[in-house]
């Protein structure tokens, strides 16, 4: 008799459990609004290319975007045998250059340091290119 009561209680709880989940339907779920997207695309290439450093380079060299073709320094790799500078173009492409490689027709990569590279333009003027997109004339 005791097992009969336990069996009935178990059966009742099992039916109640299934009825609880059976009443939920797909339409009953809460609809979550789509996440709002930022007004400015953070991955667009043109945003970071209008910093103060390029304005200074434009005023002093007269070339502006011609010095690096709107590319910006995004990384350096220094090893025992090779030193490599990595530049990013506005369309998202990545380019690597070693010391003494031509970046553009008139610009050559001279030296690579940890956070700055030295480039030389066609008129033999040297410029320091920093990772925060500042380009300024080199002192020496």
Protein backbone atom coordinates (compact mmCIF):
# COMPACT_ATOMS: atom_id res chain seq x y z
CA UNK A 1 0.00 0.00 0.00
CA UNK A 2 2.83 2.33 0.79
CA UNK A 3 4.48 1.76 -2.61
CA UNK A 4 1.15 2.45 -4.30
CA UNK A 5 1.04 5.95 -2.73
CA UNK A 6 4.65 6.62 -3.73
CA UNK A 7 3.92 5.49 -7.28
CA UNK A 8 0.84 7.79 -7.51
CA UNK A 9 2.81 10.74 -6.13
CA UNK A 10 5.65 10.12 -8.58
CA UNK A 11 3.18 9.82 -11.48
CA UNK A 12 1.42 13.05 -10.42
CA UNK A 13 4.72 14.96 -10.21
CA UNK A 14 5.83 13.59 -13.57
CA UNK A 15 2.60 14.67 -15.28
CA UNK A 16 2.74 18.11 -13.64
CA UNK A 17 6.33 18.52 -14.80
CA UNK A 18 5.50 17.70 -18.43
CA UNK A 19 2.38 19.88 -18.43
CA UNK A 20 4.40 22.82 -17.23
CA UNK A 21 6.79 22.65 -20.20
CA UNK A 22 4.11 21.61 -22.68
CA UNK A 23 2.29 24.90 -22.21
CA UNK A 24 5.33 26.88 -23.40
CA UNK A 25 5.48 27.51 -27.12
CA UNK A 26 8.00 29.12 -29.38
CA UNK A 27 5.87 32.26 -29.62
CA UNK A 28 5.97 32.71 -25.85
CA UNK A 29 9.67 33.47 -25.76
CA UNK A 30 10.68 37.09 -25.22
CA UNK A 31 11.74 38.89 -28.35
CA UNK A 32 15.03 40.67 -27.87
CA UNK A 33 15.59 43.79 -29.95
CA UNK A 34 18.52 43.73 -32.31
CA UNK A 35 21.63 45.23 -30.83
CA UNK A 36 22.17 48.79 -31.99
CA UNK A 37 25.15 49.25 -34.27
CA UNK A 38 27.53 52.16 -33.83
CA UNK A 39 26.99 55.17 -36.09
CA UNK A 40 30.65 55.10 -37.16
CA UNK A 41 32.22 51.92 -38.48
CA UNK A 42 35.29 51.31 -36.28
CA UNK A 43 36.86 49.17 -38.99
CA UNK A 44 36.67 51.76 -41.74
CA UNK A 45 40.12 52.74 -42.95
CA UNK A 46 39.54 56.43 -43.50
CA UNK A 47 38.85 57.34 -39.87
CA UNK A 48 42.37 56.99 -38.46
CA UNK A 49 44.11 58.60 -41.41
CA UNK A 50 43.10 62.17 -40.59
CA UNK A 51 45.12 62.66 -37.43
CA UNK A 52 47.28 65.60 -36.56
CA UNK A 53 50.45 63.75 -37.59
CA UNK A 54 49.45 63.55 -41.22
CA UNK A 55 48.54 67.23 -41.19
CA UNK A 56 52.02 68.04 -39.93
CA UNK A 57 53.58 65.82 -42.58
CA UNK A 58 51.47 67.48 -45.27
CA UNK A 59 52.50 70.94 -44.19
CA UNK A 60 56.19 70.14 -43.89
CA UNK A 61 56.79 67.78 -46.77
CA UNK A 62 54.17 68.99 -49.23
CA UNK A 63 53.33 65.37 -50.01
CA UNK A 64 50.82 64.35 -47.35
CA UNK A 65 49.37 60.98 -48.27
CA UNK A 66 52.03 60.53 -50.96
CA UNK A 67 54.70 59.77 -48.38
CA UNK A 68 53.12 56.44 -47.41
CA UNK A 69 50.08 56.28 -49.74
CA UNK A 70 47.71 56.67 -46.75
CA UNK A 71 49.21 53.62 -45.07
CA UNK A 72 49.87 53.61 -41.36
CA UNK A 73 52.39 51.75 -39.25
CA UNK A 74 50.66 48.99 -37.26
CA UNK A 75 53.58 46.88 -36.04
CA UNK A 76 57.27 46.14 -36.06
CA UNK A 77 59.13 42.86 -35.79
CA UNK A 78 62.76 43.02 -34.75
CA UNK A 79 64.87 39.92 -34.86
CA UNK A 80 68.54 39.06 -34.91
CA UNK A 81 68.84 39.05 -38.71
CA UNK A 82 65.79 40.95 -39.93
CA UNK A 83 63.76 43.98 -38.94
CA UNK A 84 60.29 44.23 -40.46
CA UNK A 85 57.72 47.02 -40.43
CA UNK A 86 54.05 46.20 -41.00
CA UNK A 87 51.83 48.83 -42.61
CA UNK A 88 48.06 48.79 -43.05
CA UNK A 89 46.29 50.39 -46.00
CA UNK A 90 42.88 52.10 -45.70
CA UNK A 91 41.16 49.17 -47.41
CA UNK A 92 42.42 46.78 -44.72
CA UNK A 93 45.37 45.22 -46.51
CA UNK A 94 48.59 44.56 -44.60
CA UNK A 95 52.04 45.00 -46.11
CA UNK A 96 55.44 44.11 -44.68
CA UNK A 97 58.66 45.83 -45.54
CA UNK A 98 62.25 45.17 -44.50
CA UNK A 99 64.92 47.79 -44.07
CA UNK A 100 65.98 49.38 -47.41
CA UNK A 101 62.73 48.28 -49.13
CA UNK A 102 60.80 50.77 -51.24
CA UNK A 103 57.40 51.53 -49.71
CA UNK A 104 56.29 53.78 -52.58
CA UNK A 105 58.05 54.97 -55.71
CA UNK A 106 59.71 57.79 -53.78
CA UNK A 107 59.71 56.50 -50.18
CA UNK A 108 62.21 53.98 -48.77
CA UNK A 109 62.22 52.32 -45.35
CA UNK A 110 65.57 53.13 -43.74
CA UNK A 111 65.48 51.78 -40.16
CA UNK A 112 63.05 49.84 -37.98
CA UNK A 113 62.90 50.31 -34.21
CA UNK A 114 60.43 48.93 -31.65
CA UNK A 115 57.82 51.69 -31.92
CA UNK A 116 59.02 53.92 -34.76
CA UNK A 117 60.42 53.54 -38.26
CA UNK A 118 62.56 55.94 -40.27
CA UNK A 119 61.65 56.53 -43.92
CA UNK A 120 63.34 58.63 -46.61
CA UNK A 121 61.44 60.41 -49.36
CA UNK A 122 62.59 61.25 -52.89
CA UNK A 123 64.30 64.48 -51.83
CA UNK A 124 66.43 62.58 -49.23
CA UNK A 125 64.49 63.97 -46.26
CA UNK A 126 64.05 61.50 -43.43
CA UNK A 127 60.83 61.16 -41.42
CA UNK A 128 59.90 59.31 -38.24
CA UNK A 129 56.69 57.29 -38.55
CA UNK A 130 55.04 56.35 -35.26
CA UNK A 131 52.37 53.73 -34.58
CA UNK A 132 49.83 56.39 -33.55
CA UNK A 133 49.99 57.64 -37.17
CA UNK A 134 52.16 60.67 -36.46
CA UNK A 135 54.74 61.47 -39.12
CA UNK A 136 57.37 64.09 -38.35
CA UNK A 137 60.76 65.04 -39.74
CA UNK A 138 63.70 63.16 -38.27
CA UNK A 139 66.34 65.15 -36.40
CA UNK A 140 69.24 62.96 -37.29
